[in-house]
Amino acid sequence: MSEDVKVKVRGLTKCFGDLKVLDDISFDIKKGDFVCIVGPTGCGKTTFLNLLVKLLEPTKGDILIDGEPADPKKHNLSFVFQEPSAFPWLTVEENIRYGLETKGCSASLIKERTDEILGLLGLEKFRKSYPHELSTSTEQRIVIGRSFALHPDLLLMDEPYGQMDIKMRYYLEDEVIKLWKATESTVIFITHNVEEAVYLADKCLILSQKPTTIKEELKIDLPRPRDISSKEFVDLREYVTSQIKWW
């Protein structure tokens, strides 16, 4: 993991009329970090994400990527949302290639990255299949692979496994870790699932109730693959849960 700061957020504040949702948030994310954002329901996690990628403008504050104001036109940002969003008219392979082709990458790079992602995700046998022919979890793997194929400056994931059962969630989480290690991307992952956050993250940003501040930046220094039954894991999970409780 690099010591270089990839994302610098300073004094980030967002108001909708008289409602202050985010209140003077500041933090750094290093290049290659896997950061999970957790907090109480309705605390503004998705607003936070939308500000990071400039879908919303902050009321106050700065968001810098590589020392420059965040700009989707300049920076290589990629997204994975809760609902599977593979393009239904494209095959699995064409979905993976899509972002690379849109950015005008060379044919050799497109082939190399596409083959790499299909191999890492075990999707080679579905290369010529269409999303509607596959399970929801396989479709979500396509979307995740399409995002990682870009080797993005910053990959933002908003509760991408919200509709999956527990067994499938763990499988997909392991797939994401594999891709993250292979591509050395910087990931911000929003989740309401504390166990998922402790399983995935190098660092957790624990948010407070609205008006939302960062209650704590918690380093998750557990070896991978993580043992969810270990005392260290269980203790961390219970600690994060206690920090999120607002009653």
Protein backbone atom coordinates (compact mmCIF):
# COMPACT_ATOMS: atom_id res chain seq x y z
CA MET A 1 0.00 0.00 0.00
CA SER A 2 1.35 3.44 -0.93
CA GLU A 3 1.86 6.33 1.48
CA ASP A 4 0.71 8.76 -1.24
CA VAL A 5 -2.58 10.52 -0.49
CA LYS A 6 -5.03 9.73 -3.28
CA VAL A 7 -8.13 11.47 -1.92
CA LYS A 8 -8.05 14.49 0.41
CA VAL A 9 -11.32 15.79 1.83
CA ARG A 10 -11.33 18.99 3.88
CA GLY A 11 -14.26 20.68 5.61
CA LEU A 12 -16.89 18.90 3.49
CA THR A 13 -20.33 20.27 4.36
CA LYS A 14 -23.65 19.72 2.59
CA CYS A 15 -26.95 21.41 3.35
CA PHE A 16 -30.29 20.93 1.63
CA GLY A 17 -32.09 24.14 2.54
CA ASP A 18 -32.09 24.31 6.35
CA LEU A 19 -31.16 20.62 6.71
CA LYS A 20 -27.45 20.09 7.33
CA VAL A 21 -26.63 16.53 6.23
CA LEU A 22 -22.83 16.55 6.35
CA ASP A 23 -20.96 18.75 8.81
CA ASP A 24 -17.30 19.67 8.27
CA ILE A 25 -15.92 16.25 7.28
CA SER A 26 -12.17 15.85 6.70
CA PHE A 27 -10.10 12.73 5.96
CA ASP A 28 -7.35 11.32 3.74
CA ILE A 29 -7.34 8.10 1.72
CA LYS A 30 -4.01 6.72 0.54
CA LYS A 31 -3.42 5.26 -2.90
CA GLY A 32 -4.42 1.59 -2.91
CA ASP A 33 -6.51 1.80 0.28
CA PHE A 34 -9.74 -0.15 0.70
CA VAL A 35 -11.96 2.09 2.84
CA CYS A 36 -15.42 1.18 4.09
CA ILE A 37 -17.89 3.84 5.21
CA VAL A 38 -20.42 2.78 7.83
CA GLY A 39 -22.95 4.66 9.90
CA PRO A 40 -26.53 4.73 11.14
CA THR A 41 -29.37 4.36 8.63
CA GLY A 42 -30.16 7.69 7.01
CA CYS A 43 -26.93 9.39 8.10
CA GLY A 44 -26.08 10.54 4.57
CA LYS A 45 -23.69 7.85 3.29
CA THR A 46 -24.98 8.08 -0.27
CA THR A 47 -24.99 11.90 -0.20
CA PHE A 48 -21.36 11.61 0.85
CA LEU A 49 -20.62 9.39 -2.16
CA ASN A 50 -22.47 11.68 -4.57
CA LEU A 51 -20.38 14.62 -3.38
CA LEU A 52 -17.17 12.67 -3.88
CA VAL A 53 -17.99 12.13 -7.56
CA LYS A 54 -19.51 15.57 -8.11
CA LEU A 55 -23.06 14.38 -8.71
CA LEU A 56 -23.76 16.97 -6.00
CA GLU A 57 -21.83 20.12 -5.22
CA PRO A 58 -20.77 20.70 -1.60
CA THR A 59 -22.12 23.66 0.35
CA LYS A 60 -18.57 24.13 1.66
CA GLY A 61 -15.30 22.26 1.55
CA ASP A 62 -12.87 20.68 -0.89
CA ILE A 63 -12.45 17.23 -2.43
CA LEU A 64 -9.06 16.65 -4.04
CA ILE A 65 -7.87 13.65 -6.06
CA ASP A 66 -4.10 13.54 -6.58
CA GLY A 67 -3.97 17.11 -5.26
CA GLU A 68 -6.47 18.51 -7.79
CA PRO A 69 -10.19 19.29 -7.40
CA ALA A 70 -12.21 16.13 -8.10
CA ASP A 71 -13.43 16.19 -11.69
CA PRO A 72 -15.10 13.20 -13.41
CA LYS A 73 -13.91 14.58 -16.77
CA LYS A 74 -10.29 14.49 -15.62
CA HIS A 75 -10.14 11.66 -13.10
CA ASN A 76 -10.81 8.02 -13.82
CA LEU A 77 -13.77 7.40 -11.50
CA SER A 78 -15.85 4.23 -11.55
CA PHE A 79 -19.04 3.16 -9.76
CA VAL A 80 -20.85 0.03 -8.65
CA PHE A 81 -24.36 0.49 -7.26
CA GLN A 82 -26.74 -1.80 -5.39
CA GLU A 83 -28.86 -2.66 -8.42
CA PRO A 84 -27.07 -4.77 -11.05
CA SER A 85 -26.45 -2.49 -14.03
CA ALA A 86 -24.89 -4.63 -16.74
CA PHE A 87 -25.90 -3.46 -20.20
CA PRO A 88 -28.50 -6.06 -21.29
CA TRP A 89 -27.78 -5.67 -25.02
CA LEU A 90 -24.07 -6.49 -24.58
CA THR A 91 -22.45 -9.85 -23.88
CA VAL A 92 -20.36 -10.40 -20.75
CA GLU A 93 -17.18 -9.74 -22.70
CA GLU A 94 -18.62 -6.62 -24.34
CA ASN A 95 -19.73 -5.30 -20.94
CA ILE A 96 -16.20 -5.71 -19.54
CA ARG A 97 -14.71 -4.00 -22.62
CA TYR A 98 -17.21 -1.14 -22.66
CA GLY A 99 -15.48 1.40 -20.42
CA LEU A 100 -12.07 0.74 -21.96
CA GLU A 101 -13.48 1.24 -25.46
CA THR A 102 -15.29 4.42 -24.40
CA LYS A 103 -11.99 5.82 -23.11
CA GLY A 104 -10.28 4.99 -26.41
CA CYS A 105 -7.78 2.48 -25.03
CA SER A 106 -5.66 0.50 -27.48
CA ALA A 107 -6.96 -2.81 -28.81
CA SER A 108 -4.10 -4.67 -27.13
CA LEU A 109 -4.83 -3.09 -23.72
CA ILE A 110 -8.56 -3.79 -24.07
CA LYS A 111 -7.89 -7.46 -24.84
CA GLU A 112 -5.34 -7.78 -22.00
CA ARG A 113 -7.58 -6.17 -19.37
CA THR A 114 -10.72 -7.99 -20.54
CA ASP A 115 -9.03 -11.39 -20.47
CA GLU A 116 -7.51 -10.58 -17.06
CA ILE A 117 -10.89 -9.67 -15.54
CA LEU A 118 -12.74 -12.60 -17.10
CA GLY A 119 -10.06 -14.92 -15.71
CA LEU A 120 -9.98 -13.40 -12.22
CA LEU A 121 -13.79 -13.59 -11.92
CA GLY A 122 -14.16 -17.02 -13.51
CA LEU A 123 -16.35 -15.59 -16.26
CA GLU A 124 -14.59 -17.07 -19.31
CA LYS A 125 -17.31 -19.65 -19.90
CA PHE A 126 -19.92 -16.85 -19.92
CA ARG A 127 -17.91 -14.65 -22.29
CA LYS A 128 -20.55 -14.73 -25.06
CA SER A 129 -23.60 -14.87 -22.75
CA TYR A 130 -26.00 -11.99 -22.16
CA PRO A 131 -26.86 -10.74 -18.65
CA HIS A 132 -30.47 -11.96 -18.78
CA GLU A 133 -29.16 -15.52 -19.25
CA LEU A 134 -27.25 -15.36 -15.97
CA SER A 135 -28.01 -15.15 -12.24
CA THR A 136 -28.25 -11.79 -10.45
CA SER A 137 -25.00 -12.48 -8.60
CA THR A 138 -23.19 -13.29 -11.86
CA GLU A 139 -24.56 -10.08 -13.38
CA GLN A 140 -23.17 -8.13 -10.43
CA ARG A 141 -19.77 -9.78 -11.01
CA ILE A 142 -19.91 -8.40 -14.57
CA VAL A 143 -20.54 -4.87 -13.27
CA ILE A 144 -17.75 -5.16 -10.71
CA GLY A 145 -15.37 -6.51 -13.36
CA ARG A 146 -16.30 -3.71 -15.78
CA SER A 147 -15.41 -1.14 -13.12
CA PHE A 148 -12.10 -2.74 -12.13
CA ALA A 149 -11.08 -3.19 -15.79
CA LEU A 150 -10.57 0.58 -15.95
CA HIS A 151 -7.98 0.41 -13.14
CA PRO A 152 -9.78 3.50 -11.84
CA ASP A 153 -8.19 6.30 -9.84
CA LEU A 154 -11.09 5.76 -7.45
CA LEU A 155 -13.74 3.04 -7.38
CA LEU A 156 -16.90 3.86 -5.45
CA MET A 157 -19.20 1.03 -4.39
CA ASP A 158 -22.59 1.79 -2.84
CA GLU A 159 -23.94 -1.30 -1.02
CA PRO A 160 -23.38 -3.51 -4.09
CA TYR A 161 -24.43 -6.71 -2.31
CA GLY A 162 -27.54 -5.42 -0.58
CA GLN A 163 -29.82 -7.96 -2.28
CA MET A 164 -27.57 -10.99 -1.97
CA ASP A 165 -27.84 -13.82 0.54
CA ILE A 166 -25.02 -14.29 3.06
CA LYS A 167 -23.18 -17.06 1.21
CA MET A 168 -23.21 -15.10 -2.05
CA ARG A 169 -22.09 -11.91 -0.30
CA TYR A 170 -18.99 -13.62 1.07
CA TYR A 171 -18.22 -15.08 -2.34
CA LEU A 172 -18.51 -11.68 -4.04
CA GLU A 173 -16.53 -9.96 -1.29
CA ASP A 174 -13.67 -12.38 -1.92
CA GLU A 175 -13.92 -11.62 -5.64
CA VAL A 176 -13.63 -7.88 -4.94
CA ILE A 177 -10.56 -8.38 -2.74
CA LYS A 178 -8.96 -10.44 -5.52
CA LEU A 179 -9.62 -7.70 -8.10
CA TRP A 180 -8.52 -4.93 -5.74
CA LYS A 181 -5.19 -6.65 -5.12
CA ALA A 182 -4.66 -7.37 -8.83
CA THR A 183 -5.47 -3.82 -10.03
CA GLU A 184 -4.13 -1.85 -7.02
CA SER A 185 -7.18 0.40 -7.24
CA THR A 186 -8.31 2.72 -4.45
CA VAL A 187 -11.77 1.71 -3.24
CA ILE A 188 -14.44 3.48 -1.17
CA PHE A 189 -17.14 1.00 -0.23
CA ILE A 190 -20.37 2.10 1.48
CA THR A 191 -22.21 -0.52 3.50
CA HIS A 192 -24.68 -0.77 6.38
CA ASN A 193 -23.34 -4.28 7.11
CA VAL A 194 -20.70 -4.04 9.85
CA GLU A 195 -19.39 -7.58 9.31
CA GLU A 196 -18.87 -6.80 5.63
CA ALA A 197 -16.96 -3.63 6.51
CA VAL A 198 -14.62 -5.42 8.93
CA TYR A 199 -14.13 -8.25 6.41
CA LEU A 200 -13.18 -5.94 3.54
CA ALA A 201 -11.57 -2.75 4.84
CA ASP A 202 -8.09 -1.52 5.60
CA LYS A 203 -9.83 1.39 7.29
CA CYS A 204 -13.40 2.15 8.37
CA LEU A 205 -14.81 5.65 8.46
CA ILE A 206 -17.56 5.51 11.08
CA LEU A 207 -20.16 8.25 10.55
CA SER A 208 -22.41 9.81 13.18
CA GLN A 209 -26.10 10.65 13.02
CA LYS A 210 -27.09 13.79 11.07
CA PRO A 211 -25.67 16.36 10.90
CA THR A 212 -23.04 13.80 9.99
CA THR A 213 -19.43 13.98 11.07
CA ILE A 214 -16.72 11.32 11.12
CA LYS A 215 -17.03 9.76 14.55
CA GLU A 216 -13.89 7.69 14.13
CA GLU A 217 -11.32 6.54 11.58
CA LEU A 218 -10.62 2.92 12.51
CA LYS A 219 -7.69 0.97 11.06
CA ILE A 220 -8.56 -2.70 10.43
CA ASP A 221 -5.23 -4.45 10.77
CA LEU A 222 -6.24 -8.08 10.31
CA PRO A 223 -4.47 -10.56 8.02
CA ARG A 224 -6.19 -11.72 4.81
CA PRO A 225 -8.06 -13.93 4.20
CA ARG A 226 -9.95 -12.91 7.32
CA ASP A 227 -11.37 -15.41 9.76
CA ILE A 228 -14.84 -14.18 10.75
CA SER A 229 -14.86 -16.54 13.74
CA SER A 230 -11.58 -15.27 15.24
CA LYS A 231 -11.69 -13.31 18.49
CA GLU A 232 -9.97 -10.33 16.85
CA PHE A 233 -12.58 -10.17 14.09
CA VAL A 234 -15.53 -10.57 16.46
CA ASP A 235 -14.14 -7.93 18.84
CA LEU A 236 -13.72 -5.43 15.98
CA ARG A 237 -17.19 -6.15 14.63
CA GLU A 238 -18.75 -5.61 18.06
CA TYR A 239 -16.75 -2.42 18.58
CA VAL A 240 -17.84 -0.90 15.23
CA THR A 241 -21.46 -1.90 15.97
CA SER A 242 -21.26 -0.12 19.34
CA GLN A 243 -19.88 3.01 17.67
CA ILE A 244 -22.73 3.15 15.16
CA LYS A 245 -25.49 2.84 17.76
CA TRP A 246 -27.06 6.20 18.49
CA TRP A 247 -29.62 5.18 21.12
